[in-house]
Each structure stands twice: as structure tokens, then as C-alpha cells.
Amino acid sequence: MELDKVIKFKANGGGFESFINWTESVAKAHGKKKIVVGIEPTGHYWYTFGRAVIDRGLMLVQVNPYHVKKTKELDDNTPSKSDYKDPKTIAFLVKDGRYQIPYMPDGKYAELRKANNLREEWVQKKIRVKNKVTRWLDIHFPEFLNAFSSWEGKTALMTLGKIALPEKIASKTPEEILCIWRKEVRRGVGIKKAEKLVKEAQNSVGIREGAQMAEYEIKLYIKEYMEIREVLEDMERKLEKIVLTIPGANRFLEIKGVGIKTVAGFFAEIGDIKRFTSAKQIIKLAGLNLRQNSSGQHKGETTISKRGRSRLRALLFRAILPIVATNEVFNKLHHDNISQKERPMKKMQSLIALCCRLIRIVYSLITKDQEFDPDKLIRDIHRDDALQGAA
């Protein structure tokens, strides 16, 4: 049945009850017992509705917004968008089975996803304020990092928070600078560093106009940076506490080079790993599955699909770099991939392949509750290579 008008429901409890009553009346009128609710996910607006639908025991499915965009022209050959046309397109996609069932984590997995998302948000805030401090130094005191290896150290932060301007530093003696530092920092600072800072301040080419507000500006940035850092430290303690309650997290952490943030991000994105029947499903979820680009005689380069959860894909790639650098097994695998005689991989291809192998290893360790055995992994690889050679 196709409606001849758009029916709207308010986004509140009463509106949802009206929607449920309407769907049940339509199902009853047509002798249907099962109700499938199809949605196009846009931002966060579907979360409360989706949870309410699931809690009522109805089947909730999602259609890809990209599919909606591409198929809405099939009926009228126009890219126009309307409140009548889009629901119809969504309904046809659901009818044809072109949908996916959304995963909405609950319990500890919901807590973990919220905690990880919060941490990512505050990490971005930290990056923004760091960029602001770097810009300020480039303009007003470009020589500052000649005296300090990093402005994020305790002594450097104190200096920027109290006497950041080079003209103020230059007006003091090294002994006076050292006295300021010693009020909060007892170790790691000496007269030589103070002398170096004063010398750099005296020869600074930084802009001195607007000095009063420039000093106020950097103090605000340092205060904001310290507050963000404190929040992040607290978040990471909470995150670690949640991660250690996740079944299988301890197995993941057994792999050398894997840290608590990687494990947290991984489970925050996939939820309960045992809901997957194979590691291939997680690889596809991360958009790391291969796709071909060929037609007729043309054989294009095989690449990864980059569909699915981009944050999971980025997390795995960031994680594989230190793993390859510190884990002897993965380092050997990477070396073998790029140095094999027949069809050696490029470095990037090897890293992507190792991301997929990491998923397979983690899936096997957790679902089978096994310890990570690097020697067994090497033996299995050699056995697979021998079988391929024999074939």
C-alpha cells in the first residue's frame, strides 16, 4: 500500500505512541503480523526513535543515505528531494532487502562507546588549543623552543603562564627566572636553562605590538590546555576501568604493542565481538575488505572498500604502526610482505594487510579464549606458505 500523503509524528513520547498505533492499525488492516520500520540515519536524530522502536520489540532497519541519494531518481528522473519522495524511496529499498540492521550497544558496551566518543571529542579540543599555542609562539616568541624541547613540559608551561612575553623575560636575571621556577619545580631545572631562556628572549624577533592582550591570550590558552589535560587524564582512568570489564580485553592486551586506548577504541566501535560469526565481518565493518575495479579487458588496481566505520579503520591503522615497530612477529610479517620475491607489497599495502591479520588474531584469541602465542603464529604462517607453494 502506498500512501497518498505524508503523515507526520512529533519527536516526543506522545508522537512515538501515535506512530506505534498507526503502524499497528495498518498491519491489522492488511493482515500482517510483523512490522519492519525502515529509517535513513541522519546525524543523531534517529537515536531516540531507534531505541524506542527496538525496545517495543519491532524490527528496525537502516538504509544507506548514499543509496537513497542514488535511487531517488529512478521514478521521476530528477534529483529533487521532498518529504513525500524520500520516505517512498526508503520504503522501496527496505522492500527489496537493501538495508542493514543497526547495532545499538547496551550495558558496558554503551558505556564504553560513550566514554571513547567523549575522549575523542576532548582529544580534538586539545589539538585545537595546542595549535593555538604554537601559533602564538610563532608570532610572539619564536625562539622559545630553543630553550625548551617542548612547551608542554611543566617548566615551560609555568613560564608561559607567568612570564610568557620575551620582553618580560629579558628584563629579569637568570637567578630571578630560576627562583620563579623553583616555586613549583624542584628538579630538572638549573641556572644554565634560565640563562639560555633569557638570552633567547633578549634576541627575540617576536612581534611586540599588542603585548598586553597577547599576554592575556597565552594565559587563557595555557589555562584551557591544563583543564583539558586534566579532563583527559580523568577520562582515561574511567575508560581503562570500563575496558577491563569487557570480555576478551585482556587477551587483546597480551599482544605486544597494543595499549589500553587501542583496545577501548576497538570494542567501542564493534561492541560485543561474539556477535560476529567470523573475522571477515569485522574486516568489512572497518572498510578494509578488498574491492576490484575491472571491466572487460581493463583490470584496475584492487583497493580497500573504505565503507563501514571510518573511525575503526583509522584506529586500526594508527595501532598497527607501533605494533609493527615493537612486536617482533608483526615486524617479521611486514618485512616478509614487502620483500617477497613474487608480487611484493608496497609498505602501505602491507600495513593494511596486517590490520586485517590483527583483526583475525584478536577474533580468534577472544572467541576461543586463547593466549597470544607468537611462535604458533609464525608456525601457522610458514605452514600456509608451504601449502600455497605446493598448490
Protein backbone atom coordinates (compact mmCIF):
# COMPACT_ATOMS: atom_id res chain seq x y z
CA MET A 1 0.00 0.00 0.00
CA GLU A 2 1.32 3.43 -0.94
CA LEU A 3 0.06 6.46 0.94
CA ASP A 4 -1.11 9.50 -0.99
CA LYS A 5 0.06 11.92 1.68
CA VAL A 6 2.81 12.36 4.25
CA ILE A 7 1.92 11.52 7.85
CA LYS A 8 3.99 13.37 10.44
CA PHE A 9 4.59 12.46 14.09
CA LYS A 10 6.08 14.65 16.78
CA ALA A 11 9.51 13.74 18.15
CA ASN A 12 8.36 13.01 21.69
CA GLY A 13 6.74 10.23 23.72
CA GLY A 14 3.22 11.06 22.54
CA GLY A 15 4.35 11.23 18.94
CA PHE A 16 6.04 7.84 19.20
CA GLU A 17 2.89 6.26 20.69
CA SER A 18 0.89 7.73 17.82
CA PHE A 19 3.34 6.22 15.36
CA ILE A 20 3.11 2.77 17.00
CA ASN A 21 -0.70 2.89 16.99
CA TRP A 22 -0.70 3.88 13.35
CA THR A 23 1.70 1.08 12.30
CA GLU A 24 -0.34 -1.50 14.23
CA SER A 25 -3.58 -0.30 12.61
CA VAL A 26 -2.03 -0.52 9.14
CA ALA A 27 -0.67 -4.02 9.87
CA LYS A 28 -4.07 -5.18 11.16
CA ALA A 29 -5.91 -3.73 8.18
CA HIS A 30 -3.71 -5.76 5.79
CA GLY A 31 -3.47 -8.92 7.86
CA LYS A 32 0.20 -8.51 8.68
CA LYS A 33 1.79 -9.70 11.93
CA LYS A 34 5.37 -8.45 11.55
CA ILE A 35 6.26 -4.76 11.40
CA VAL A 36 9.57 -3.57 9.93
CA VAL A 37 10.48 0.08 10.50
CA GLY A 38 12.94 1.47 7.96
CA ILE A 39 14.91 4.67 8.53
CA GLU A 40 17.59 6.73 6.85
CA PRO A 41 20.10 7.61 9.61
CA THR A 42 20.91 11.32 9.60
CA GLY A 43 23.21 12.52 12.35
CA HIS A 44 21.98 11.81 15.86
CA TYR A 45 18.29 12.45 15.21
CA TRP A 46 17.33 8.80 14.86
CA TYR A 47 18.88 7.57 18.14
CA THR A 48 15.92 8.04 20.48
CA PHE A 49 13.41 6.87 17.87
CA GLY A 50 15.54 3.83 17.01
CA ARG A 51 15.95 2.81 20.65
CA ALA A 52 12.23 3.23 21.27
CA VAL A 53 11.38 1.04 18.25
CA ILE A 54 13.76 -1.71 19.39
CA ASP A 55 12.50 -1.54 22.98
CA ARG A 56 8.95 -2.11 21.69
CA GLY A 57 10.11 -5.33 20.01
CA LEU A 58 9.79 -4.08 16.43
CA MET A 59 12.39 -4.73 13.74
CA LEU A 60 14.44 -1.62 12.94
CA VAL A 61 16.45 -1.45 9.71
CA GLN A 62 18.60 1.26 8.14
CA VAL A 63 19.10 2.18 4.54
CA ASN A 64 22.31 3.80 3.40
CA PRO A 65 21.85 7.56 2.76
CA TYR A 66 24.09 7.14 -0.30
CA HIS A 67 21.66 4.54 -1.70
CA VAL A 68 18.73 6.87 -1.09
CA LYS A 69 20.52 9.65 -2.94
CA LYS A 70 21.31 7.44 -5.93
CA THR A 71 17.96 5.67 -6.25
CA LYS A 72 15.55 8.57 -5.73
CA GLU A 73 15.89 9.46 -9.44
CA LEU A 74 14.62 6.08 -10.68
CA ASP A 75 10.92 7.01 -10.56
CA ASP A 76 10.89 10.59 -11.86
CA ASN A 77 14.43 11.04 -13.28
CA THR A 78 15.03 14.11 -11.12
CA PRO A 79 17.35 14.64 -8.15
CA SER A 80 14.68 16.63 -6.30
CA LYS A 81 14.12 15.97 -2.59
CA SER A 82 10.82 16.15 -0.71
CA ASP A 83 9.06 14.82 2.39
CA TYR A 84 6.94 12.61 0.12
CA LYS A 85 9.63 11.29 -2.18
CA ASP A 86 12.29 10.30 0.38
CA PRO A 87 10.07 8.05 2.57
CA LYS A 88 8.85 6.31 -0.59
CA THR A 89 12.43 5.68 -1.72
CA ILE A 90 13.36 4.35 1.72
CA ALA A 91 10.32 2.05 1.69
CA PHE A 92 11.25 0.62 -1.71
CA LEU A 93 14.83 -0.06 -0.57
CA VAL A 94 13.56 -1.85 2.54
CA LYS A 95 11.06 -3.85 0.42
CA ASP A 96 13.90 -5.01 -1.84
CA GLY A 97 16.03 -6.05 1.14
CA ARG A 98 18.62 -3.31 0.60
CA TYR A 99 19.08 -2.49 4.26
CA GLN A 100 21.17 -3.33 7.27
CA ILE A 101 20.19 -3.96 10.86
CA PRO A 102 21.75 -1.29 13.10
CA TYR A 103 23.72 -2.25 16.16
CA MET A 104 22.88 -0.18 19.22
CA PRO A 105 25.21 -1.18 22.07
CA ASP A 106 23.87 -1.58 25.56
CA GLY A 107 25.27 -2.18 29.03
CA LYS A 108 29.05 -1.92 29.35
CA TYR A 109 29.45 -1.58 25.56
CA ALA A 110 27.22 1.50 25.54
CA GLU A 111 29.25 2.96 28.41
CA LEU A 112 32.48 2.23 26.55
CA ARG A 113 31.30 3.79 23.29
CA LYS A 114 30.14 6.94 25.10
CA ALA A 115 33.42 7.14 27.04
CA ASN A 116 35.52 6.66 23.92
CA ASN A 117 33.50 9.20 21.92
CA LEU A 118 33.90 11.72 24.75
CA ARG A 119 37.63 11.11 24.84
CA GLU A 120 37.91 11.60 21.06
CA GLU A 121 35.99 14.88 21.39
CA TRP A 122 38.33 16.18 24.09
CA VAL A 123 41.42 14.99 22.22
CA GLN A 124 40.27 17.20 19.33
CA LYS A 125 39.86 20.11 21.77
CA LYS A 126 43.41 19.52 22.98
CA ILE A 127 44.74 19.50 19.42
CA ARG A 128 42.98 22.80 18.70
CA VAL A 129 44.38 24.56 21.75
CA LYS A 130 47.86 23.16 21.05
CA ASN A 131 47.68 24.66 17.57
CA LYS A 132 46.71 28.00 19.10
CA VAL A 133 49.69 27.95 21.47
CA THR A 134 52.04 27.01 18.63
CA ARG A 135 50.69 29.87 16.54
CA TRP A 136 51.11 32.30 19.45
CA LEU A 137 54.73 31.27 19.92
CA ASP A 138 55.46 31.61 16.20
CA ILE A 139 54.17 35.17 16.33
CA HIS A 140 55.33 36.46 19.70
CA PHE A 141 58.26 34.29 20.83
CA PRO A 142 59.56 32.03 18.01
CA GLU A 143 62.80 31.36 19.91
CA PHE A 144 61.02 29.85 22.93
CA LEU A 145 61.61 26.27 21.81
CA ASN A 146 65.34 26.91 21.55
CA ALA A 147 65.33 26.96 25.34
CA PHE A 148 62.76 24.17 25.84
CA SER A 149 62.46 20.95 23.88
CA SER A 150 58.66 21.21 24.19
CA TRP A 151 56.27 23.84 25.52
CA GLU A 152 54.18 21.07 27.17
CA GLY A 153 56.72 20.38 29.91
CA LYS A 154 55.97 21.58 33.44
CA THR A 155 58.64 24.31 33.49
CA ALA A 156 57.74 25.56 30.00
CA LEU A 157 54.04 25.72 30.89
CA MET A 158 54.81 27.65 34.06
CA THR A 159 56.90 30.10 32.07
CA LEU A 160 54.14 30.67 29.52
CA GLY A 161 51.54 31.04 32.25
CA LYS A 162 53.53 33.59 34.29
CA ILE A 163 56.07 35.44 32.12
CA ALA A 164 55.44 34.46 28.51
CA LEU A 165 56.44 37.67 26.74
CA PRO A 166 60.13 37.81 25.70
CA GLU A 167 60.45 41.43 26.88
CA LYS A 168 59.36 40.42 30.39
CA ILE A 169 61.80 37.51 30.44
CA ALA A 170 64.59 39.71 29.10
CA SER A 171 64.02 42.22 31.93
CA LYS A 172 64.84 39.55 34.56
CA THR A 173 68.10 37.92 35.55
CA PRO A 174 68.62 34.16 35.19
CA GLU A 175 68.57 33.94 39.00
CA GLU A 176 65.14 35.59 39.14
CA ILE A 177 63.82 33.22 36.47
CA LEU A 178 65.18 30.24 38.37
CA CYS A 179 63.54 31.49 41.56
CA ILE A 180 60.16 31.57 39.78
CA TRP A 181 60.63 28.02 38.51
CA ARG A 182 61.71 26.66 41.88
CA LYS A 183 58.38 27.65 43.46
CA GLU A 184 56.75 24.69 41.68
CA VAL A 185 59.55 22.69 40.02
CA ARG A 186 62.34 21.30 42.18
CA ARG A 187 64.15 19.04 39.77
CA GLY A 188 65.23 19.23 36.15
CA VAL A 189 65.85 23.00 36.06
CA GLY A 190 69.06 24.88 36.57
CA ILE A 191 70.78 28.18 36.00
CA LYS A 192 72.00 27.19 32.53
CA LYS A 193 68.47 26.73 31.22
CA ALA A 194 67.46 30.07 32.76
CA GLU A 195 70.45 31.75 31.11
CA LYS A 196 69.52 30.20 27.77
CA LEU A 197 65.92 31.42 28.06
CA VAL A 198 66.98 34.97 28.93
CA LYS A 199 69.43 35.04 26.02
CA GLU A 200 66.76 33.86 23.55
CA ALA A 201 64.31 36.44 24.92
CA GLN A 202 66.83 39.25 24.51
CA ASN A 203 67.38 38.30 20.84
CA SER A 204 63.75 37.53 20.05
CA VAL A 205 62.25 38.80 16.80
CA GLY A 206 58.69 38.23 18.02
CA ILE A 207 56.03 40.87 17.42
CA ARG A 208 55.71 43.22 20.41
CA GLU A 209 52.66 45.22 19.37
CA GLY A 210 49.53 44.39 21.35
CA ALA A 211 51.67 42.91 24.11
CA GLN A 212 49.11 43.32 26.88
CA MET A 213 46.39 41.31 25.14
CA ALA A 214 48.96 38.86 23.77
CA GLU A 215 49.98 38.04 27.34
CA TYR A 216 46.34 37.65 28.35
CA GLU A 217 45.75 35.45 25.31
CA ILE A 218 48.52 32.96 26.08
CA LYS A 219 47.46 32.72 29.72
CA LEU A 220 43.95 31.76 28.58
CA TYR A 221 45.37 29.16 26.21
CA ILE A 222 47.58 27.62 28.91
CA LYS A 223 44.69 27.57 31.38
CA GLU A 224 42.47 25.88 28.78
CA TYR A 225 45.20 23.39 27.91
CA MET A 226 45.73 22.43 31.56
CA GLU A 227 41.99 21.97 32.13
CA ILE A 228 41.64 19.79 29.02
CA ARG A 229 44.65 17.70 30.00
CA GLU A 230 43.18 17.16 33.47
CA VAL A 231 39.82 16.13 32.00
CA LEU A 232 41.51 13.72 29.59
CA GLU A 233 43.51 12.10 32.38
CA ASP A 234 40.30 11.55 34.34
CA MET A 235 38.53 10.21 31.24
CA GLU A 236 41.33 7.77 30.51
CA ARG A 237 41.15 6.40 34.04
CA LYS A 238 37.40 5.84 33.62
CA LEU A 239 37.96 4.36 30.16
CA GLU A 240 40.54 1.89 31.42
CA LYS A 241 38.22 0.83 34.24
CA ILE A 242 35.41 0.09 31.74
CA VAL A 243 37.71 -1.68 29.25
CA LEU A 244 38.95 -4.15 31.85
CA THR A 245 35.36 -5.33 32.36
CA ILE A 246 34.95 -6.20 28.65
CA PRO A 247 35.19 -9.97 27.97
CA GLY A 248 38.35 -10.70 25.97
CA ALA A 249 40.02 -7.32 26.51
CA ASN A 250 42.81 -8.97 28.50
CA ARG A 251 43.53 -11.28 25.53
CA PHE A 252 43.83 -8.30 23.20
CA LEU A 253 46.22 -6.57 25.61
CA GLU A 254 48.53 -9.62 25.55
CA ILE A 255 49.70 -8.62 22.07
CA LYS A 256 52.90 -6.62 22.39
CA GLY A 257 52.48 -3.05 21.15
CA VAL A 258 48.75 -2.88 21.92
CA GLY A 259 47.68 -0.30 24.51
CA ILE A 260 44.54 0.29 26.51
CA LYS A 261 43.36 3.11 24.20
CA THR A 262 43.51 0.82 21.16
CA VAL A 263 41.50 -1.87 22.94
CA ALA A 264 38.97 0.69 24.15
CA GLY A 265 38.52 2.16 20.69
CA PHE A 266 38.21 -1.28 19.10
CA PHE A 267 35.44 -2.52 21.39
CA ALA A 268 33.72 0.88 21.39
CA GLU A 269 33.33 0.57 17.63
CA ILE A 270 32.42 -3.13 17.27
CA GLY A 271 30.65 -3.83 20.58
CA ASP A 272 30.41 -7.48 21.58
CA ILE A 273 32.86 -9.34 19.34
CA LYS A 274 30.92 -12.59 19.73
CA ARG A 275 28.00 -11.17 17.76
CA PHE A 276 30.13 -11.72 14.63
CA THR A 277 30.34 -15.19 13.09
CA SER A 278 33.74 -14.56 11.51
CA ALA A 279 36.60 -12.07 11.48
CA LYS A 280 35.70 -11.21 7.87
CA GLN A 281 32.61 -9.41 9.11
CA ILE A 282 34.73 -7.13 11.32
CA ILE A 283 37.13 -6.51 8.43
CA LYS A 284 34.16 -5.47 6.29
CA LEU A 285 32.77 -3.32 9.11
CA ALA A 286 36.11 -1.46 9.15
CA GLY A 287 36.03 -0.99 5.36
CA LEU A 288 39.25 -2.99 4.97
CA ASN A 289 37.75 -5.59 2.64
CA LEU A 290 39.12 -5.54 -0.91
CA ARG A 291 37.17 -4.30 -3.91
CA GLN A 292 38.00 -4.81 -7.56
CA ASN A 293 37.96 -2.17 -10.26
CA SER A 294 37.78 -4.03 -13.56
CA SER A 295 35.59 -4.08 -16.63
CA GLY A 296 36.14 -6.19 -19.74
CA GLN A 297 39.81 -6.03 -20.65
CA HIS A 298 40.50 -3.31 -18.12
CA LYS A 299 41.98 -4.60 -14.88
CA GLY A 300 42.17 -1.79 -12.36
CA GLU A 301 44.03 -1.74 -9.08
CA THR A 302 42.47 -3.66 -6.19
CA THR A 303 41.86 -1.37 -3.23
CA ILE A 304 40.04 -1.48 0.09
CA SER A 305 36.36 -0.51 0.08
CA LYS A 306 36.63 2.21 2.79
CA ARG A 307 32.99 1.57 3.68
CA GLY A 308 31.74 0.92 7.19
CA ARG A 309 33.12 2.59 10.32
CA SER A 310 35.86 5.03 9.34
CA ARG A 311 36.83 5.58 12.99
CA LEU A 312 37.50 1.84 13.41
CA ARG A 313 39.61 1.81 10.25
CA ALA A 314 41.64 4.81 11.40
CA LEU A 315 42.10 3.30 14.86
CA LEU A 316 43.46 0.03 13.44
CA PHE A 317 45.86 1.84 11.14
CA ARG A 318 47.18 4.05 13.97
CA ALA A 319 47.54 0.95 16.14
CA ILE A 320 49.42 -1.16 13.59
CA LEU A 321 52.29 1.32 13.31
CA PRO A 322 53.63 0.88 16.89
CA ILE A 323 52.76 -2.83 16.77
CA VAL A 324 54.96 -3.33 13.70
CA ALA A 325 57.70 -1.23 15.33
CA THR A 326 57.77 -3.10 18.66
CA ASN A 327 56.28 -6.55 18.04
CA GLU A 328 58.83 -8.99 16.58
CA VAL A 329 56.17 -11.17 14.92
CA PHE A 330 54.39 -8.32 13.14
CA ASN A 331 57.72 -6.75 12.22
CA LYS A 332 58.74 -10.01 10.53
CA LEU A 333 55.40 -10.26 8.75
CA HIS A 334 55.78 -6.71 7.46
CA HIS A 335 59.32 -7.41 6.26
CA ASP A 336 58.20 -10.62 4.51
CA ASN A 337 55.32 -8.81 2.81
CA ILE A 338 57.46 -6.07 1.29
CA SER A 339 60.46 -8.26 0.40
CA GLN A 340 58.83 -11.39 -1.04
CA LYS A 341 60.17 -12.35 -4.46
CA GLU A 342 56.84 -12.67 -6.23
CA ARG A 343 54.49 -9.67 -6.11
CA PRO A 344 56.00 -7.85 -3.11
CA MET A 345 53.63 -5.48 -1.36
CA LYS A 346 54.11 -1.78 -1.00
CA LYS A 347 54.58 -0.63 2.58
CA MET A 348 51.06 0.78 2.80
CA GLN A 349 49.56 -2.41 1.36
CA SER A 350 51.47 -4.45 3.92
CA LEU A 351 50.22 -2.31 6.80
CA ILE A 352 46.62 -2.68 5.62
CA ALA A 353 47.09 -6.46 5.32
CA LEU A 354 48.49 -6.53 8.85
CA CYS A 355 45.44 -4.61 10.14
CA CYS A 356 43.29 -7.42 8.74
CA ARG A 357 45.56 -10.05 10.26
CA LEU A 358 45.36 -8.28 13.63
CA ILE A 359 41.56 -8.50 13.46
CA ARG A 360 41.74 -12.22 12.69
CA ILE A 361 44.15 -12.82 15.56
CA VAL A 362 42.07 -10.84 18.04
CA TYR A 363 38.87 -12.57 16.94
CA SER A 364 40.48 -15.98 17.36
CA LEU A 365 42.03 -15.15 20.75
CA ILE A 366 38.78 -13.88 22.22
CA THR A 367 36.25 -16.30 20.74
CA LYS A 368 38.45 -19.31 21.58
CA ASP A 369 39.78 -17.79 24.84
CA GLN A 370 43.41 -18.50 23.90
CA GLU A 371 46.63 -16.79 24.91
CA PHE A 372 48.60 -14.99 22.23
CA ASP A 373 51.41 -17.32 21.14
CA PRO A 374 53.83 -15.60 18.72
CA ASP A 375 55.68 -18.86 18.00
CA LYS A 376 52.44 -20.58 16.98
CA LEU A 377 51.57 -17.65 14.74
CA ILE A 378 54.90 -17.95 12.92
CA ARG A 379 54.44 -21.72 12.52
CA ASP A 380 50.95 -21.22 11.11
CA ILE A 381 52.24 -18.66 8.61
CA HIS A 382 55.03 -20.96 7.45
CA ARG A 383 52.52 -23.81 7.09
CA ASP A 384 50.18 -21.65 4.99
CA ASP A 385 53.10 -20.56 2.80
CA ALA A 386 54.13 -24.19 2.29
CA LEU A 387 50.57 -25.18 1.34
CA GLN A 388 50.36 -22.31 -1.17
CA GLY A 389 53.71 -23.32 -2.65
CA ALA A 390 52.56 -26.92 -3.03
CA ALA A 391 49.37 -25.82 -4.72
